[in-house]
Protein backbone atom coordinates (compact mmCIF):
# COMPACT_ATOMS: atom_id res chain seq x y z
CA UNK A 1 15.94 -31.81 17.87
CA UNK A 2 14.77 -31.44 14.13
CA UNK A 3 14.86 -27.56 15.30
CA UNK A 4 18.46 -27.65 16.19
CA UNK A 5 20.33 -29.95 13.19
CA UNK A 6 21.60 -28.17 10.67
CA UNK A 7 22.05 -30.25 7.33
CA UNK A 8 25.64 -31.26 8.34
CA UNK A 9 24.15 -32.41 11.75
CA UNK A 10 21.55 -34.56 10.09
CA UNK A 11 24.56 -35.83 7.77
CA UNK A 12 26.49 -37.07 11.02
CA UNK A 13 23.55 -38.45 12.57
CA UNK A 14 22.46 -40.51 9.93
CA UNK A 15 26.06 -41.91 9.48
CA UNK A 16 26.72 -42.40 12.93
CA UNK A 17 23.32 -44.67 13.50
CA UNK A 18 24.06 -46.15 10.04
CA UNK A 19 27.62 -47.16 11.14
CA UNK A 20 26.58 -48.42 14.60
CA UNK A 21 24.14 -50.49 13.35
CA UNK A 22 26.02 -51.83 10.41
CA UNK A 23 29.00 -52.50 12.76
CA UNK A 24 26.82 -54.58 15.12
CA UNK A 25 25.20 -56.47 13.00
CA UNK A 26 28.04 -57.57 10.87
CA UNK A 27 30.53 -57.97 13.55
CA UNK A 28 32.51 -54.82 12.15
CA UNK A 29 33.99 -53.27 15.37
CA UNK A 30 35.60 -50.69 13.55
CA UNK A 31 32.59 -49.35 11.48
CA UNK A 32 30.73 -49.31 14.79
CA UNK A 33 33.60 -47.62 16.67
CA UNK A 34 33.39 -44.84 13.90
CA UNK A 35 29.75 -44.73 14.24
CA UNK A 36 29.81 -44.19 18.11
CA UNK A 37 32.64 -41.73 17.55
CA UNK A 38 29.98 -39.71 15.01
CA UNK A 39 27.46 -39.80 17.59
CA UNK A 40 29.65 -38.60 20.48
CA UNK A 41 30.74 -35.78 18.48
CA UNK A 42 26.88 -35.25 18.04
CA UNK A 43 26.57 -35.22 21.55
CA UNK A 44 29.26 -33.08 22.29
CA UNK A 45 27.95 -30.47 19.88
CA UNK A 46 24.97 -30.44 21.68
CA UNK A 47 26.35 -29.07 25.02
CA UNK A 48 27.19 -25.82 23.23
CA UNK A 49 23.79 -25.11 22.49
CA UNK A 50 21.99 -26.14 26.10
CA UNK A 51 21.54 -23.38 28.66
CA UNK A 52 19.27 -20.60 29.58
CA UNK A 53 20.46 -17.31 28.43
CA UNK A 54 19.72 -14.71 30.90
CA UNK A 55 18.43 -11.75 28.60
CA UNK A 56 15.82 -9.03 28.47
CA UNK A 57 15.50 -7.88 25.01
CA UNK A 58 13.99 -4.88 23.53
CA UNK A 59 13.33 -3.73 19.84
CA UNK A 60 12.57 -0.55 18.80
CA UNK A 61 11.57 1.43 15.75
CA UNK A 62 12.42 4.89 15.28
CA UNK A 63 8.85 5.12 13.11
CA UNK A 64 6.38 2.94 12.24
CA UNK A 65 5.31 4.59 9.29
CA UNK A 66 7.42 6.17 7.16
CA UNK A 67 7.26 7.54 3.19
CA UNK A 68 9.56 6.00 0.71
CA UNK A 69 12.82 7.58 0.85
CA UNK A 70 12.80 8.32 4.36
CA UNK A 71 15.15 7.08 6.84
CA UNK A 72 13.82 4.55 9.34
CA UNK A 73 16.24 2.89 12.15
CA UNK A 74 15.46 -0.33 14.33
CA UNK A 75 17.50 -0.13 17.39
CA UNK A 76 18.26 -3.52 19.73
CA UNK A 77 18.92 -3.14 23.23
CA UNK A 78 20.04 -6.33 24.84
CA UNK A 79 20.06 -6.36 29.04
CA UNK A 80 21.79 -9.17 30.97
CA UNK A 81 19.71 -10.41 33.74
CA UNK A 82 21.58 -12.48 35.72
CA UNK A 83 23.91 -11.86 38.54
CA UNK A 84 26.94 -12.81 36.49
CA UNK A 85 28.21 -12.03 33.48
CA UNK A 86 27.07 -13.58 30.12
CA UNK A 87 29.24 -15.23 27.56
CA UNK A 88 29.30 -13.49 23.88
CA UNK A 89 26.37 -14.69 21.55
CA UNK A 90 25.09 -14.12 18.25
CA UNK A 91 21.99 -12.30 17.28
CA UNK A 92 19.93 -11.98 14.62
CA UNK A 93 17.26 -9.65 13.16
CA UNK A 94 14.88 -10.06 10.33
CA UNK A 95 14.47 -7.23 8.27
CA UNK A 96 11.81 -8.27 5.59
CA UNK A 97 13.39 -10.98 3.33
CA UNK A 98 16.98 -9.78 4.62
CA UNK A 99 18.39 -10.50 7.99
CA UNK A 100 20.77 -8.40 10.16
CA UNK A 101 23.37 -10.07 12.33
CA UNK A 102 25.91 -9.35 15.14
CA UNK A 103 27.82 -10.19 17.60
CA UNK A 104 26.93 -9.79 21.08
CA UNK A 105 29.87 -9.21 23.57
CA UNK A 106 30.40 -10.35 27.05
CA UNK A 107 27.86 -8.59 29.24
CA UNK A 108 28.54 -7.93 32.78
CA UNK A 109 25.94 -8.32 35.69
CA UNK A 110 23.01 -5.53 34.56
CA UNK A 111 25.05 -4.14 31.66
CA UNK A 112 23.60 -3.35 28.31
CA UNK A 113 24.52 -3.39 24.70
CA UNK A 114 22.61 -1.67 21.96
CA UNK A 115 22.55 -2.17 17.91
CA UNK A 116 21.14 0.34 15.64
CA UNK A 117 20.07 -1.10 11.91
CA UNK A 118 19.41 0.92 8.80
CA UNK A 119 15.78 -0.42 7.45
CA UNK A 120 15.52 0.01 3.54
CA UNK A 121 12.88 2.08 2.68
CA UNK A 122 13.29 2.73 -1.29
CA UNK A 123 10.19 1.19 -2.31
CA UNK A 124 6.62 1.16 -0.77
CA UNK A 125 5.85 -1.77 1.46
CA UNK A 126 5.16 -3.33 4.65
CA UNK A 127 8.54 -4.70 6.03
CA UNK A 128 8.45 -7.18 8.94
CA UNK A 129 11.13 -6.46 11.57
CA UNK A 130 11.72 -9.17 13.88
CA UNK A 131 11.77 -11.19 16.05
CA UNK A 132 15.15 -10.47 17.43
CA UNK A 133 16.68 -13.98 18.12
CA UNK A 134 19.70 -15.16 19.87
CA UNK A 135 21.79 -18.09 18.23
CA UNK A 136 24.00 -20.56 19.87
CA UNK A 137 25.76 -22.81 17.78
CA UNK A 138 28.66 -25.51 17.93
CA UNK A 139 32.15 -25.52 16.31
CA UNK A 140 31.64 -28.19 13.80
CA UNK A 141 28.37 -26.37 12.23
CA UNK A 142 26.21 -29.40 13.13
CA UNK A 143 23.34 -27.54 15.58
CA UNK A 144 22.01 -24.12 15.78
CA UNK A 145 19.49 -23.16 18.23
CA UNK A 146 17.65 -20.02 17.63
CA UNK A 147 15.69 -18.58 20.64
CA UNK A 148 13.13 -15.54 19.76
CA UNK A 149 12.87 -12.50 22.22
CA UNK A 150 10.33 -9.91 20.62
CA UNK A 151 7.66 -10.05 18.64
CA UNK A 152 7.20 -8.79 14.84
CA UNK A 153 7.23 -5.23 14.09
CA UNK A 154 5.58 -4.09 11.46
CA UNK A 155 7.04 -0.71 8.96
CA UNK A 156 4.89 0.84 6.70
CA UNK A 157 6.72 2.14 3.45
CA UNK A 158 3.93 4.87 2.76
CA UNK A 159 3.94 5.59 -0.90
CA UNK A 160 5.18 9.03 -2.09
CA UNK A 161 2.64 11.81 -2.60
CA UNK A 162 3.17 15.44 -3.86
CA UNK A 163 1.22 18.35 -2.79
CA UNK A 164 -1.87 19.32 -5.07
CA UNK A 165 -2.45 23.36 -5.28
CA UNK A 166 -5.93 24.68 -4.70
CA UNK A 167 -8.36 23.29 -7.69
CA UNK A 168 -5.08 21.02 -9.15
CA UNK A 169 -7.54 18.07 -8.24
CA UNK A 170 -10.28 18.74 -10.45
CA UNK A 171 -12.45 19.04 -7.11
CA UNK A 172 -15.89 20.77 -7.32
CA UNK A 173 -15.05 23.35 -4.72
CA UNK A 174 -18.07 25.73 -3.22
CA UNK A 175 -19.31 26.54 0.24
CA UNK A 176 -22.86 26.01 -0.38
CA UNK A 177 -22.43 22.43 -2.34
CA UNK A 178 -23.15 22.19 -5.69
CA UNK A 179 -26.31 22.75 -7.74
CA UNK A 180 -27.89 19.38 -9.90
CA UNK A 181 -30.66 18.92 -12.25
CA UNK A 182 -32.70 17.28 -9.43
CA UNK A 183 -35.37 19.57 -8.22
CA UNK A 184 -36.18 19.53 -4.68
CA UNK A 185 -38.33 21.64 -2.25
CA UNK A 186 -35.89 22.81 0.36
CA UNK A 187 -32.10 23.77 -0.24
CA UNK A 188 -30.37 26.61 -1.46
CA UNK A 189 -30.30 27.31 -5.31
CA UNK A 190 -33.73 28.68 -6.27
CA UNK A 191 -35.00 27.00 -9.23
CA UNK A 192 -38.78 27.91 -9.98
CA UNK A 193 -42.16 28.21 -8.61
CA UNK A 194 -45.12 25.98 -9.13
CA UNK A 195 -48.69 25.62 -7.53
CA UNK A 196 -49.17 24.73 -3.92
CA UNK A 197 -49.82 20.95 -3.40
CA UNK A 198 -51.49 19.13 -0.14
CA UNK A 199 -48.42 18.54 1.97
CA UNK A 200 -45.93 21.39 0.71
CA UNK A 201 -44.35 23.22 3.91
CA UNK A 202 -46.05 26.29 4.03
CA UNK A 203 -42.23 27.96 4.80
CA UNK A 204 -41.88 27.76 1.22
CA UNK A 205 -45.00 29.80 -0.13
CA UNK A 206 -44.16 32.47 -2.08
CA UNK A 207 -46.66 34.99 -0.67
CA UNK A 208 -46.00 37.91 -3.49
CA UNK A 209 -46.44 35.60 -6.54
CA UNK A 210 -49.38 33.78 -4.79
CA UNK A 211 -51.03 37.08 -4.45
CA UNK A 212 -50.49 38.41 -8.02
CA UNK A 213 -51.94 34.77 -9.26
CA UNK A 214 -54.52 34.52 -7.09
CA UNK A 215 -53.09 30.67 -6.32
CA UNK A 216 -50.38 29.53 -3.67
CA UNK A 217 -47.33 29.50 -5.20
CA UNK A 218 -44.41 27.37 -3.76
CA UNK A 219 -40.69 27.74 -4.31
CA UNK A 220 -38.77 24.72 -5.65
CA UNK A 221 -34.93 24.49 -5.30
CA UNK A 222 -32.07 22.67 -7.14
CA UNK A 223 -30.66 19.96 -4.93
CA UNK A 224 -27.09 20.95 -3.75
CA UNK A 225 -24.87 18.20 -3.68
CA UNK A 226 -21.25 17.97 -1.62
CA UNK A 227 -18.10 17.35 -3.40
CA UNK A 228 -17.85 13.08 -3.46
CA UNK A 229 -14.81 11.83 -5.26
CA UNK A 230 -14.47 8.38 -6.04
CA UNK A 231 -11.24 7.26 -6.51
CA UNK A 232 -11.01 4.44 -8.17
CA UNK A 233 -7.53 2.68 -8.60
CA UNK A 234 -6.60 -0.56 -10.75
CA UNK A 235 -4.91 -3.11 -9.57
CA UNK A 236 -4.80 -5.63 -12.50
CA UNK A 237 -1.15 -5.93 -13.16
CA UNK A 238 -2.05 -6.09 -17.11
CA UNK A 239 -3.14 -2.55 -17.07
CA UNK A 240 0.77 -1.26 -16.42
CA UNK A 241 3.92 -1.98 -18.48
CA UNK A 242 5.68 -2.52 -15.16
CA UNK A 243 6.50 -2.24 -11.73
CA UNK A 244 7.40 1.57 -12.14
CA UNK A 245 4.16 2.37 -13.54
CA UNK A 246 2.18 0.94 -10.22
CA UNK A 247 4.16 2.48 -8.09
CA UNK A 248 3.50 5.88 -9.82
CA UNK A 249 -0.05 5.14 -10.32
CA UNK A 250 -0.67 4.35 -6.26
CA UNK A 251 1.33 7.56 -5.52
CA UNK A 252 -1.03 9.43 -7.74
CA UNK A 253 -4.04 7.69 -5.73
CA UNK A 254 -2.47 8.91 -2.46
CA UNK A 255 -1.88 12.17 -3.61
CA UNK A 256 -5.50 12.97 -4.92
CA UNK A 257 -6.95 10.98 -1.69
CA UNK A 258 -5.32 13.71 0.73
CA UNK A 259 -6.30 16.31 -1.17
CA UNK A 260 -9.92 15.23 -0.79
CA UNK A 261 -9.07 14.91 3.12
CA UNK A 262 -7.41 18.31 2.92
CA UNK A 263 -10.56 20.01 1.33
CA UNK A 264 -13.01 18.19 3.53
CA UNK A 265 -14.44 16.55 0.43
CA UNK A 266 -16.39 13.29 0.60
CA UNK A 267 -13.93 10.22 -0.24
CA UNK A 268 -14.78 6.64 -1.94
CA UNK A 269 -11.77 4.58 -2.66
CA UNK A 270 -11.81 1.39 -4.67
CA UNK A 271 -9.46 -0.88 -6.31
CA UNK A 272 -9.91 -4.11 -8.02
CA UNK A 273 -9.93 -5.73 -4.61
CA UNK A 274 -12.84 -3.94 -3.03
CA UNK A 275 -13.16 -0.52 -1.21
CA UNK A 276 -10.57 1.14 1.07
CA UNK A 277 -11.01 2.51 4.48
CA UNK A 278 -11.48 6.18 4.06
CA UNK A 279 -12.47 7.19 8.03
CA UNK A 280 -8.91 8.99 8.32
CA UNK A 281 -5.54 9.58 5.84
CA UNK A 282 -3.78 6.70 7.71
CA UNK A 283 -5.64 3.66 7.56
CA UNK A 284 -5.92 4.83 3.68
CA UNK A 285 -2.24 5.03 3.01
CA UNK A 286 -1.64 1.59 5.14
CA UNK A 287 -4.25 -0.09 2.78
CA UNK A 288 -2.31 1.56 -0.42
CA UNK A 289 0.85 0.37 1.17
CA UNK A 290 -0.39 -3.01 1.15
CA UNK A 291 -1.85 -3.22 -2.28
CA UNK A 292 -0.08 -5.75 -4.70
CA UNK A 293 -0.72 -5.67 -8.29
CA UNK A 294 -2.08 -9.26 -9.68
CA UNK A 295 -3.31 -10.09 -13.22
CA UNK A 296 -7.26 -10.77 -13.94
CA UNK A 297 -8.25 -8.76 -11.07
CA UNK A 298 -10.67 -6.85 -13.18
CA UNK A 299 -9.18 -3.70 -15.16
CA UNK A 300 -10.72 0.19 -15.50
CA UNK A 301 -13.93 -0.96 -17.00
CA UNK A 302 -14.94 -2.96 -13.66
CA UNK A 303 -13.75 -0.47 -11.87
CA UNK A 304 -15.95 2.40 -13.42
CA UNK A 305 -19.23 -0.32 -13.14
CA UNK A 306 -18.16 -0.27 -9.21
CA UNK A 307 -17.49 3.32 -9.05
CA UNK A 308 -21.28 3.93 -10.68
CA UNK A 309 -23.28 2.22 -7.74
CA UNK A 310 -22.04 4.91 -5.20
CA UNK A 311 -24.42 7.31 -4.33
CA UNK A 312 -24.44 11.24 -4.60
CA UNK A 313 -20.95 10.97 -6.77
CA UNK A 314 -19.98 14.19 -8.51
CA UNK A 315 -16.17 13.13 -9.69
CA UNK A 316 -14.68 9.65 -10.81
CA UNK A 317 -11.09 9.70 -11.24
CA UNK A 318 -9.67 6.34 -12.41
CA UNK A 319 -5.92 5.72 -12.06
CA UNK A 320 -4.11 3.13 -14.35
CA UNK A 321 -0.95 2.07 -16.28
CA UNK A 322 -0.48 2.68 -20.26
CA UNK A 323 -1.67 -0.50 -21.12
CA UNK A 324 -5.32 -0.05 -21.13
CA UNK A 325 -7.17 -0.07 -24.23
CA UNK A 326 -8.96 3.12 -25.74
CA UNK A 327 -12.24 0.84 -25.57
CA UNK A 328 -11.98 0.01 -22.07
CA UNK A 329 -11.62 3.75 -21.41
CA UNK A 330 -14.56 4.72 -23.31
CA UNK A 331 -16.63 1.81 -21.80
CA UNK A 332 -15.60 2.99 -18.34
CA UNK A 333 -17.10 6.71 -18.97
CA UNK A 334 -20.38 5.04 -20.63
CA UNK A 335 -21.52 3.48 -17.71
CA UNK A 336 -20.99 6.35 -15.20
CA UNK A 337 -24.24 8.47 -14.22
CA UNK A 338 -25.27 11.62 -16.09
CA UNK A 339 -23.88 14.31 -14.56
CA UNK A 340 -20.69 12.73 -12.85
CA UNK A 341 -17.59 13.94 -14.70
CA UNK A 342 -14.98 11.38 -15.22
CA UNK A 343 -11.00 11.93 -15.53
CA UNK A 344 -8.48 8.98 -16.01
CA UNK A 345 -5.25 9.43 -14.67
CA UNK A 346 -3.04 7.24 -17.17
CA UNK A 347 0.51 6.71 -15.98
CA UNK A 348 2.79 5.96 -18.90
CA UNK A 349 6.70 5.80 -17.69
CA UNK A 350 10.11 4.55 -19.88
CA UNK A 351 9.44 1.17 -19.15
CA UNK A 352 12.38 -0.67 -20.95
CA UNK A 353 10.07 -3.44 -22.79
CA UNK A 354 6.72 -2.03 -23.10
CA UNK A 355 4.45 -4.36 -24.23
CA UNK A 356 1.96 -3.21 -26.54
CA UNK A 357 -1.85 -3.55 -26.23
CA UNK A 358 -4.32 -3.76 -28.89
CA UNK A 359 -6.13 -0.29 -28.89
CA UNK A 360 -3.95 1.36 -25.97
CA UNK A 361 -3.82 5.15 -26.28
CA UNK A 362 -1.23 6.18 -28.66
CA UNK A 363 1.34 8.52 -26.81
CA UNK A 364 1.68 12.23 -27.91
CA UNK A 365 4.41 12.33 -30.56
CA UNK A 366 5.47 15.45 -29.60
CA UNK A 367 6.09 14.42 -25.87
CA UNK A 368 6.24 10.64 -25.76
CA UNK A 369 8.17 9.83 -22.91
CA UNK A 370 9.12 13.44 -21.64
CA UNK A 371 7.48 14.84 -18.22
CA UNK A 372 5.31 17.94 -17.77
CA UNK A 373 7.95 19.84 -16.61
CA UNK A 374 10.18 19.42 -19.91
CA UNK A 375 7.36 19.47 -22.49
CA UNK A 376 6.12 22.64 -20.93
CA UNK A 377 2.35 21.54 -21.26
CA UNK A 378 0.13 18.33 -20.22
CA UNK A 379 -1.22 15.43 -22.27
CA UNK A 380 -4.72 16.01 -21.86
CA UNK A 381 -7.65 14.37 -24.14
CA UNK A 382 -11.03 13.30 -24.68
CA UNK A 383 -12.10 9.70 -24.75
CA UNK A 384 -15.77 9.19 -25.19
CA UNK A 385 -17.06 11.04 -21.56
CA UNK A 386 -13.54 10.54 -20.30
CA UNK A 387 -10.55 13.23 -19.55
CA UNK A 388 -7.82 11.08 -19.91
CA UNK A 389 -4.59 12.99 -18.51
CA UNK A 390 -1.07 11.14 -19.08
CA UNK A 391 1.87 11.53 -16.82
CA UNK A 392 5.25 10.20 -17.15
CA UNK A 393 6.01 10.87 -13.45
CA UNK A 394 4.39 12.11 -9.91
CA UNK A 395 5.86 15.41 -10.16
CA UNK A 396 3.47 16.10 -13.38
CA UNK A 397 0.72 15.20 -11.81
CA UNK A 398 -0.25 18.73 -10.65
CA UNK A 399 0.13 20.49 -13.91
CA UNK A 400 -1.89 17.65 -15.82
CA UNK A 401 -4.67 18.06 -13.39
CA UNK A 402 -5.07 21.89 -13.72
CA UNK A 403 -4.91 21.32 -17.68
CA UNK A 404 -7.79 18.65 -17.26
CA UNK A 405 -9.66 21.37 -14.65
CA UNK A 406 -9.63 24.02 -17.22
């Protein structure tokens, strides 16, 4: 009963019970009759909500994953499974925080009716669509009975991404791996010769040098390393001037991740909340879609410390907002291992009310809030060991990364 009664129904029930009881106690028959009449109205309203509705309802989405701005549709198909006509009804379809409602006409036996709903995809989100509910009520607005017919479907609105041209992401490209300063006994990049030691593989003996020196000499190599991108996205809301900067940062991180997948580079993706799945693009984009910035989750310095623990990393890209202080960027570069290149993608949008952070990186006076296309160049600076590129929009990212890779 509690799920049926609307606020007006509770009022009628309370007044009816109170008036009936008071009328009997006080001997006031008129008051008791009024209470009984109110309860009778409530009972009459109940008859409009009872009974089984002979429906088979199917909820279909045109796609379960779309990109921001792409069209997404939901279709509700209702079929009458009874041998007689079904009376009109009202259907409701929750779509995120909103709700779509439409009238269901009289359905003949076996008849079908379809309604199509456009789902808004203006912003990155995971939208719960459903369940479809049939709703019965009374003319007095006292009772409401909602019966769910379907499960909840999730629609992922993935962040926008931009295609990065070859080398635009600043990744390291070579077919044989990247030589490092670490010396090994077996690899591709020759380093030097040394005397043979017990346990060395005789396949690496350099016989010509051994004959010339009279001592067994073996080859040493510089260890080659595959490209390993560590992508670290700040999830601390204090690093951003507003929601728009968060969205551009997430889109930039997604673009860099897709570039790594396209180039078959090793990838580790981190946020302030922990590591993200990188087995395939879809799970990573799903995780980025669910990401919500929150204050106090740790900024770029904490992300850099986490990135420093990733083994065999060759490039660390930190993605953050415009409020990050210079000291944090400098500290981030200081904790990374020697030989690991550090790049920070800093998002600076035209926020209407931009909070000023102490020690924040000042914008370029000649191109403070212009995109790279408008200014004709990218804002690239060095802060300690970190190369900082500043973008105002997602479309600026390819140009800025090309400038940083030079």
